[in-house]
C-alpha atoms as a PDB file:
ATOM      1  CA  UNK A   1     103.432 127.595  71.272  1.00  0.00           C
ATOM      2  CA  UNK A   2     101.235 125.256  73.478  1.00  0.00           C
ATOM      3  CA  UNK A   3     101.132 125.860  77.483  1.00  0.00           C
ATOM      4  CA  UNK A   4     103.860 122.813  78.348  1.00  0.00           C
ATOM      5  CA  UNK A   5     106.795 124.848  75.912  1.00  0.00           C
ATOM      6  CA  UNK A   6     105.814 128.221  77.354  1.00  0.00           C
ATOM      7  CA  UNK A   7     105.936 126.610  80.483  1.00  0.00           C
ATOM      8  CA  UNK A   8     109.154 125.326  79.962  1.00  0.00           C
ATOM      9  CA  UNK A   9     110.511 127.821  78.480  1.00  0.00           C
ATOM     10  CA  UNK A  10     109.464 130.382  81.389  1.00  0.00           C
ATOM     11  CA  UNK A  11     110.722 127.890  83.709  1.00  0.00           C
ATOM     12  CA  UNK A  12     114.200 127.724  82.447  1.00  0.00           C
ATOM     13  CA  UNK A  13     114.705 131.862  82.305  1.00  0.00           C
ATOM     14  CA  UNK A  14     113.241 132.196  85.679  1.00  0.00           C
ATOM     15  CA  UNK A  15     115.033 129.761  87.498  1.00  0.00           C
ATOM     16  CA  UNK A  16     118.146 130.889  89.220  1.00  0.00           C
ATOM     17  CA  UNK A  17     121.362 129.559  87.543  1.00  0.00           C
ATOM     18  CA  UNK A  18     122.573 126.334  88.833  1.00  0.00           C
ATOM     19  CA  UNK A  19     118.958 124.930  89.936  1.00  0.00           C
ATOM     20  CA  UNK A  20     118.045 121.808  87.609  1.00  0.00           C
ATOM     21  CA  UNK A  21     114.412 121.216  86.619  1.00  0.00           C
ATOM     22  CA  UNK A  22     112.974 117.539  86.766  1.00  0.00           C
ATOM     23  CA  UNK A  23     109.658 117.749  84.527  1.00  0.00           C
ATOM     24  CA  UNK A  24     107.526 115.532  86.575  1.00  0.00           C
ATOM     25  CA  UNK A  25     105.791 113.491  83.941  1.00  0.00           C
ATOM     26  CA  UNK A  26     104.284 110.325  85.669  1.00  0.00           C
ATOM     27  CA  UNK A  27     100.681 109.580  84.447  1.00  0.00           C
ATOM     28  CA  UNK A  28     101.194 111.966  81.621  1.00  0.00           C
ATOM     29  CA  UNK A  29     101.698 110.729  77.352  1.00  0.00           C
ATOM     30  CA  UNK A  30     104.792 110.611  75.534  1.00  0.00           C
ATOM     31  CA  UNK A  31     102.923 113.308  73.301  1.00  0.00           C
ATOM     32  CA  UNK A  32     103.079 115.639  76.772  1.00  0.00           C
ATOM     33  CA  UNK A  33     106.805 114.958  77.430  1.00  0.00           C
ATOM     34  CA  UNK A  34     107.922 114.876  73.500  1.00  0.00           C
ATOM     35  CA  UNK A  35     106.407 119.119  73.533  1.00  0.00           C
ATOM     36  CA  UNK A  36     108.012 119.816  76.898  1.00  0.00           C
ATOM     37  CA  UNK A  37     111.641 117.924  74.683  1.00  0.00           C
ATOM     38  CA  UNK A  38     110.978 120.284  71.734  1.00  0.00           C
ATOM     39  CA  UNK A  39     111.477 123.249  74.512  1.00  0.00           C
ATOM     40  CA  UNK A  40     114.366 122.264  75.422  1.00  0.00           C
ATOM     41  CA  UNK A  41     113.896 120.193  78.478  1.00  0.00           C
ATOM     42  CA  UNK A  42     115.774 116.789  78.740  1.00  0.00           C
ATOM     43  CA  UNK A  43     115.661 115.943  82.309  1.00  0.00           C
ATOM     44  CA  UNK A  44     112.253 113.793  83.250  1.00  0.00           C
ATOM     45  CA  UNK A  45     111.005 112.416  86.495  1.00  0.00           C
ATOM     46  CA  UNK A  46     108.969 108.756  86.702  1.00  0.00           C
ATOM     47  CA  UNK A  47     107.644 107.287  89.471  1.00  0.00           C
ATOM     48  CA  UNK A  48     106.580 103.780  87.825  1.00  0.00           C
ATOM     49  CA  UNK A  49     109.322 101.822  86.528  1.00  0.00           C
ATOM     50  CA  UNK A  50     107.129 100.225  83.867  1.00  0.00           C
ATOM     51  CA  UNK A  51     106.052 103.602  82.751  1.00  0.00           C
ATOM     52  CA  UNK A  52     109.652 104.990  82.870  1.00  0.00           C
ATOM     53  CA  UNK A  53     110.844 101.952  80.616  1.00  0.00           C
ATOM     54  CA  UNK A  54     108.048 102.205  77.983  1.00  0.00           C
ATOM     55  CA  UNK A  55     108.658 105.873  77.705  1.00  0.00           C
ATOM     56  CA  UNK A  56     112.350 105.732  77.611  1.00  0.00           C
ATOM     57  CA  UNK A  57     112.347 102.451  74.656  1.00  0.00           C
ATOM     58  CA  UNK A  58     110.102 105.192  72.334  1.00  0.00           C
ATOM     59  CA  UNK A  59     111.149 108.593  73.382  1.00  0.00           C
ATOM     60  CA  UNK A  60     114.691 110.223  72.187  1.00  0.00           C
ATOM     61  CA  UNK A  61     117.805 108.406  73.910  1.00  0.00           C
ATOM     62  CA  UNK A  62     119.234 111.585  74.730  1.00  0.00           C
ATOM     63  CA  UNK A  63     116.528 112.654  77.528  1.00  0.00           C
ATOM     64  CA  UNK A  64     117.509 111.680  81.315  1.00  0.00           C
ATOM     65  CA  UNK A  65     115.349 109.612  82.949  1.00  0.00           C
ATOM     66  CA  UNK A  66     114.732 110.082  86.869  1.00  0.00           C
ATOM     67  CA  UNK A  67     112.953 107.652  88.964  1.00  0.00           C
ATOM     68  CA  UNK A  68     111.501 109.686  91.770  1.00  0.00           C
ATOM     69  CA  UNK A  69     109.012 107.641  93.492  1.00  0.00           C
ATOM     70  CA  UNK A  70     109.202 104.615  95.889  1.00  0.00           C
ATOM     71  CA  UNK A  71     111.404 101.911  93.850  1.00  0.00           C
ATOM     72  CA  UNK A  72     110.265  98.179  94.902  1.00  0.00           C
ATOM     73  CA  UNK A  73     113.133  95.967  95.137  1.00  0.00           C
ATOM     74  CA  UNK A  74     111.889  93.685  92.387  1.00  0.00           C
ATOM     75  CA  UNK A  75     111.326  96.411  90.026  1.00  0.00           C
ATOM     76  CA  UNK A  76     114.944  98.003  90.182  1.00  0.00           C
ATOM     77  CA  UNK A  77     116.938  95.354  87.135  1.00  0.00           C
ATOM     78  CA  UNK A  78     114.121  96.714  84.869  1.00  0.00           C
ATOM     79  CA  UNK A  79     114.989 100.353  85.121  1.00  0.00           C
ATOM     80  CA  UNK A  80     118.928 100.091  85.013  1.00  0.00           C
ATOM     81  CA  UNK A  81     119.340 100.419  81.824  1.00  0.00           C
ATOM     82  CA  UNK A  82     116.998 103.365  81.432  1.00  0.00           C
ATOM     83  CA  UNK A  83     117.807 105.496  84.063  1.00  0.00           C
ATOM     84  CA  UNK A  84     120.120 108.520  84.516  1.00  0.00           C
ATOM     85  CA  UNK A  85     119.353 109.398  88.328  1.00  0.00           C
ATOM     86  CA  UNK A  86     117.303 107.191  91.026  1.00  0.00           C
ATOM     87  CA  UNK A  87     116.185 109.974  93.445  1.00  0.00           C
ATOM     88  CA  UNK A  88     114.470 107.818  96.204  1.00  0.00           C
ATOM     89  CA  UNK A  89     116.747 105.798  97.517  1.00  0.00           C
ATOM     90  CA  UNK A  90     115.119 105.179 101.494  1.00  0.00           C
ATOM     91  CA  UNK A  91     117.041 101.943 102.524  1.00  0.00           C
ATOM     92  CA  UNK A  92     120.078 100.510 102.857  1.00  0.00           C
ATOM     93  CA  UNK A  93     118.672  97.283 101.189  1.00  0.00           C
ATOM     94  CA  UNK A  94     117.377  99.206  98.233  1.00  0.00           C
ATOM     95  CA  UNK A  95     121.030 100.714  97.627  1.00  0.00           C
ATOM     96  CA  UNK A  96     123.060  97.525  97.929  1.00  0.00           C
ATOM     97  CA  UNK A  97     120.537  96.410  95.397  1.00  0.00           C
ATOM     98  CA  UNK A  98     121.036  99.499  93.233  1.00  0.00           C
ATOM     99  CA  UNK A  99     125.084  98.393  93.167  1.00  0.00           C
ATOM    100  CA  UNK A 100     124.561  94.834  92.534  1.00  0.00           C
ATOM    101  CA  UNK A 101     122.076  95.396  89.849  1.00  0.00           C
ATOM    102  CA  UNK A 102     123.903  98.349  88.055  1.00  0.00           C
ATOM    103  CA  UNK A 103     127.274  95.837  88.426  1.00  0.00           C
ATOM    104  CA  UNK A 104     125.839  93.537  86.818  1.00  0.00           C
ATOM    105  CA  UNK A 105     125.274  95.084  83.444  1.00  0.00           C
ATOM    106  CA  UNK A 106     128.361  97.013  83.770  1.00  0.00           C
ATOM    107  CA  UNK A 107     127.132 100.675  84.953  1.00  0.00           C
ATOM    108  CA  UNK A 108     127.607 102.824  87.437  1.00  0.00           C
ATOM    109  CA  UNK A 109     124.117 104.690  88.743  1.00  0.00           C
ATOM    110  CA  UNK A 110     123.694 107.950  90.493  1.00  0.00           C
ATOM    111  CA  UNK A 111     121.382 108.272  93.365  1.00  0.00           C
ATOM    112  CA  UNK A 112     119.985 110.688  96.321  1.00  0.00           C
ATOM    113  CA  UNK A 113     119.394 109.236  99.569  1.00  0.00           C
ATOM    114  CA  UNK A 114     115.685 109.936 100.640  1.00  0.00           C
ATOM    115  CA  UNK A 115     115.178 112.358 104.024  1.00  0.00           C
ATOM    116  CA  UNK A 116     111.980 111.779 106.021  1.00  0.00           C
ATOM    117  CA  UNK A 117     111.163 115.025 107.474  1.00  0.00           C
ATOM    118  CA  UNK A 118     107.474 115.442 106.650  1.00  0.00           C
ATOM    119  CA  UNK A 119     104.881 115.239 109.101  1.00  0.00           C
ATOM    120  CA  UNK A 120     102.886 112.455 106.730  1.00  0.00           C
ATOM    121  CA  UNK A 121     103.958 108.920 108.155  1.00  0.00           C
ATOM    122  CA  UNK A 122     103.541 107.701 104.513  1.00  0.00           C
ATOM    123  CA  UNK A 123     105.753 109.307 102.963  1.00  0.00           C
ATOM    124  CA  UNK A 124     109.293 106.979 102.453  1.00  0.00           C
ATOM    125  CA  UNK A 125     112.986 107.982 103.555  1.00  0.00           C
ATOM    126  CA  UNK A 126     115.703 108.144 105.900  1.00  0.00           C
ATOM    127  CA  UNK A 127     115.156 110.574 109.521  1.00  0.00           C
ATOM    128  CA  UNK A 128     118.284 112.814 109.086  1.00  0.00           C
ATOM    129  CA  UNK A 129     120.051 110.769 112.264  1.00  0.00           C
ATOM    130  CA  UNK A 130     119.234 107.512 110.696  1.00  0.00           C
ATOM    131  CA  UNK A 131     120.846 109.052 107.173  1.00  0.00           C
ATOM    132  CA  UNK A 132     124.005 110.250 109.189  1.00  0.00           C
ATOM    133  CA  UNK A 133     124.483 106.960 110.975  1.00  0.00           C
ATOM    134  CA  UNK A 134     124.190 105.064 107.772  1.00  0.00           C
ATOM    135  CA  UNK A 135     126.704 107.583 106.145  1.00  0.00           C
ATOM    136  CA  UNK A 136     128.868 107.655 109.283  1.00  0.00           C
ATOM    137  CA  UNK A 137     129.228 103.370 109.275  1.00  0.00           C
ATOM    138  CA  UNK A 138     128.250 102.402 105.820  1.00  0.00           C
ATOM    139  CA  UNK A 139     131.713 101.622 103.997  1.00  0.00           C
ATOM    140  CA  UNK A 140     130.849 103.992 100.979  1.00  0.00           C
ATOM    141  CA  UNK A 141     133.784 102.175  98.762  1.00  0.00           C
ATOM    142  CA  UNK A 142     132.073  99.528  98.653  1.00  0.00           C
ATOM    143  CA  UNK A 143     129.246 100.652  96.379  1.00  0.00           C
ATOM    144  CA  UNK A 144     131.531 100.809  93.226  1.00  0.00           C
ATOM    145  CA  UNK A 145     128.227 100.817  90.843  1.00  0.00           C
ATOM    146  CA  UNK A 146     126.590 103.451  92.983  1.00  0.00           C
ATOM    147  CA  UNK A 147     127.239 106.768  92.829  1.00  0.00           C
ATOM    148  CA  UNK A 148     126.103 108.882  95.656  1.00  0.00           C
ATOM    149  CA  UNK A 149     125.189 112.356  94.570  1.00  0.00           C
ATOM    150  CA  UNK A 150     123.097 114.200  97.129  1.00  0.00           C
ATOM    151  CA  UNK A 151     119.986 114.084  99.040  1.00  0.00           C
ATOM    152  CA  UNK A 152     115.869 114.170  98.618  1.00  0.00           C
ATOM    153  CA  UNK A 153     112.911 115.604 100.326  1.00  0.00           C
ATOM    154  CA  UNK A 154     109.565 116.824 100.336  1.00  0.00           C
ATOM    155  CA  UNK A 155     108.482 118.710 102.623  1.00  0.00           C
ATOM    156  CA  UNK A 156     104.548 118.261 104.199  1.00  0.00           C
ATOM    157  CA  UNK A 157     101.940 118.399 102.620  1.00  0.00           C
ATOM    158  CA  UNK A 158      99.974 121.882 104.386  1.00  0.00           C
ATOM    159  CA  UNK A 159      99.963 125.769 103.697  1.00  0.00           C
ATOM    160  CA  UNK A 160     101.712 126.695 106.386  1.00  0.00           C
ATOM    161  CA  UNK A 161     104.735 127.899 105.069  1.00  0.00           C
ATOM    162  CA  UNK A 162     106.622 128.144 108.307  1.00  0.00           C
ATOM    163  CA  UNK A 163     106.646 124.345 108.263  1.00  0.00           C
ATOM    164  CA  UNK A 164     107.422 124.202 104.878  1.00  0.00           C
ATOM    165  CA  UNK A 165     110.510 126.479 105.709  1.00  0.00           C
ATOM    166  CA  UNK A 166     111.497 124.205 108.457  1.00  0.00           C
ATOM    167  CA  UNK A 167     111.282 120.795 106.553  1.00  0.00           C
ATOM    168  CA  UNK A 168     113.241 122.321 103.716  1.00  0.00           C
ATOM    169  CA  UNK A 169     116.035 123.452 106.149  1.00  0.00           C
ATOM    170  CA  UNK A 170     116.060 120.127 107.891  1.00  0.00           C
ATOM    171  CA  UNK A 171     116.587 118.503 104.770  1.00  0.00           C
ATOM    172  CA  UNK A 172     119.383 120.943 103.475  1.00  0.00           C
ATOM    173  CA  UNK A 173     120.846 120.602 107.169  1.00  0.00           C
ATOM    174  CA  UNK A 174     121.086 117.026 106.761  1.00  0.00           C
ATOM    175  CA  UNK A 175     122.949 117.374 103.222  1.00  0.00           C
ATOM    176  CA  UNK A 176     125.075 119.439 105.087  1.00  0.00           C
ATOM    177  CA  UNK A 177     125.863 117.151 107.913  1.00  0.00           C
ATOM    178  CA  UNK A 178     126.888 114.451 105.032  1.00  0.00           C
ATOM    179  CA  UNK A 179     129.009 116.953 103.190  1.00  0.00           C
ATOM    180  CA  UNK A 180     131.254 117.791 106.358  1.00  0.00           C
ATOM    181  CA  UNK A 181     131.606 113.776 107.001  1.00  0.00           C
ATOM    182  CA  UNK A 182     133.954 114.454 103.716  1.00  0.00           C
ATOM    183  CA  UNK A 183     133.688 110.657 102.959  1.00  0.00           C
ATOM    184  CA  UNK A 184     135.184 109.036  99.668  1.00  0.00           C
ATOM    185  CA  UNK A 185     133.296 110.489  96.515  1.00  0.00           C
ATOM    186  CA  UNK A 186     132.553 113.858  98.572  1.00  0.00           C
ATOM    187  CA  UNK A 187     133.365 115.641  95.218  1.00  0.00           C
ATOM    188  CA  UNK A 188     130.608 114.474  93.659  1.00  0.00           C
ATOM    189  CA  UNK A 189     128.074 114.907  96.851  1.00  0.00           C
ATOM    190  CA  UNK A 190     126.210 118.015  95.251  1.00  0.00           C
ATOM    191  CA  UNK A 191     122.586 117.894  94.670  1.00  0.00           C
ATOM    192  CA  UNK A 192     119.949 119.097  97.500  1.00  0.00           C
ATOM    193  CA  UNK A 193     116.667 117.776  95.503  1.00  0.00           C
ATOM    194  CA  UNK A 194     113.614 119.501  96.967  1.00  0.00           C
ATOM    195  CA  UNK A 195     110.823 121.477  96.035  1.00  0.00           C
ATOM    196  CA  UNK A 196     107.916 120.954  93.664  1.00  0.00           C
ATOM    197  CA  UNK A 197     104.938 123.134  91.887  1.00  0.00           C
ATOM    198  CA  UNK A 198     103.607 124.888  94.855  1.00  0.00           C
ATOM    199  CA  UNK A 199     106.672 125.254  97.267  1.00  0.00           C
ATOM    200  CA  UNK A 200     109.791 125.362  95.134  1.00  0.00           C
ATOM    201  CA  UNK A 201     110.584 128.806  95.208  1.00  0.00           C
ATOM    202  CA  UNK A 202     110.527 128.501  99.028  1.00  0.00           C
ATOM    203  CA  UNK A 203     112.933 124.958  98.538  1.00  0.00           C
ATOM    204  CA  UNK A 204     115.390 127.091  96.353  1.00  0.00           C
ATOM    205  CA  UNK A 205     115.507 130.114  99.457  1.00  0.00           C
ATOM    206  CA  UNK A 206     116.629 127.355 101.287  1.00  0.00           C
ATOM    207  CA  UNK A 207     119.203 125.729  99.256  1.00  0.00           C
ATOM    208  CA  UNK A 208     117.945 123.675  96.739  1.00  0.00           C
ATOM    209  CA  UNK A 209     119.185 123.132  93.481  1.00  0.00           C
ATOM    210  CA  UNK A 210     117.196 120.772  91.467  1.00  0.00           C
ATOM    211  CA  UNK A 211     113.173 120.793  91.630  1.00  0.00           C
ATOM    212  CA  UNK A 212     110.424 118.137  90.714  1.00  0.00           C
ATOM    213  CA  UNK A 213     107.588 120.151  89.027  1.00  0.00           C
ATOM    214  CA  UNK A 214     105.005 118.566  87.240  1.00  0.00           C
ATOM    215  CA  UNK A 215     101.358 120.077  87.726  1.00  0.00           C
ATOM    216  CA  UNK A 216     102.445 123.392  86.901  1.00  0.00           C
ATOM    217  CA  UNK A 217     104.044 121.857  83.611  1.00  0.00           C
ATOM    218  CA  UNK A 218     101.737 119.004  82.407  1.00  0.00           C
ATOM    219  CA  UNK A 219      98.012 120.124  84.505  1.00  0.00           C
ATOM    220  CA  UNK A 220      96.668 117.220  86.579  1.00  0.00           C
ATOM    221  CA  UNK A 221      97.372 113.272  85.948  1.00  0.00           C
ATOM    222  CA  UNK A 222      95.971 112.356  82.566  1.00  0.00           C
ATOM    223  CA  UNK A 223      95.904 108.404  83.250  1.00  0.00           C
END
């Protein structure tokens, strides 16, 4: 059994029940994804539209592809037929465009709203207050072809566990604040996607039920 298969099986057995593993396969070849697939992994994360589409066309059709990177508006149409969940909705404009493109091909697309709490200014997303304001004021029933199922966020890139924990608490609190609005479709609003290879255990401690793990499974990027 190869390293990828062993790691997938280890993660499947060690993650708490109810926590979904997204294997972040960006920059890794189809062969690596196939090995993970053969170890029963079905959910994979990609951050470049062309790469996701190319892989989706050649790999098994029961794979659930999650788009996890910054999604440029001119790439939305490209991924629509293939994507299962868009984790990185970082503007109202993008949300409306996804809805329009999903309607065009008669699909309903699940999305997560990206919360920005990290120290790095280069990260994308809404501040917690911006997101709460958006959800308080926009008519979510107008999005017939988008289903908002939760939030996604990243902690600061630091070895300071106190800061990382604070970030995860802020992301989880944003989820709870939106959940408390009791908006239409609230029963589908269930996902907190946070935690990666180095910090997923802390994230789970603070409420994450979806982790995005790449380098632990696949090693460093291959292309």
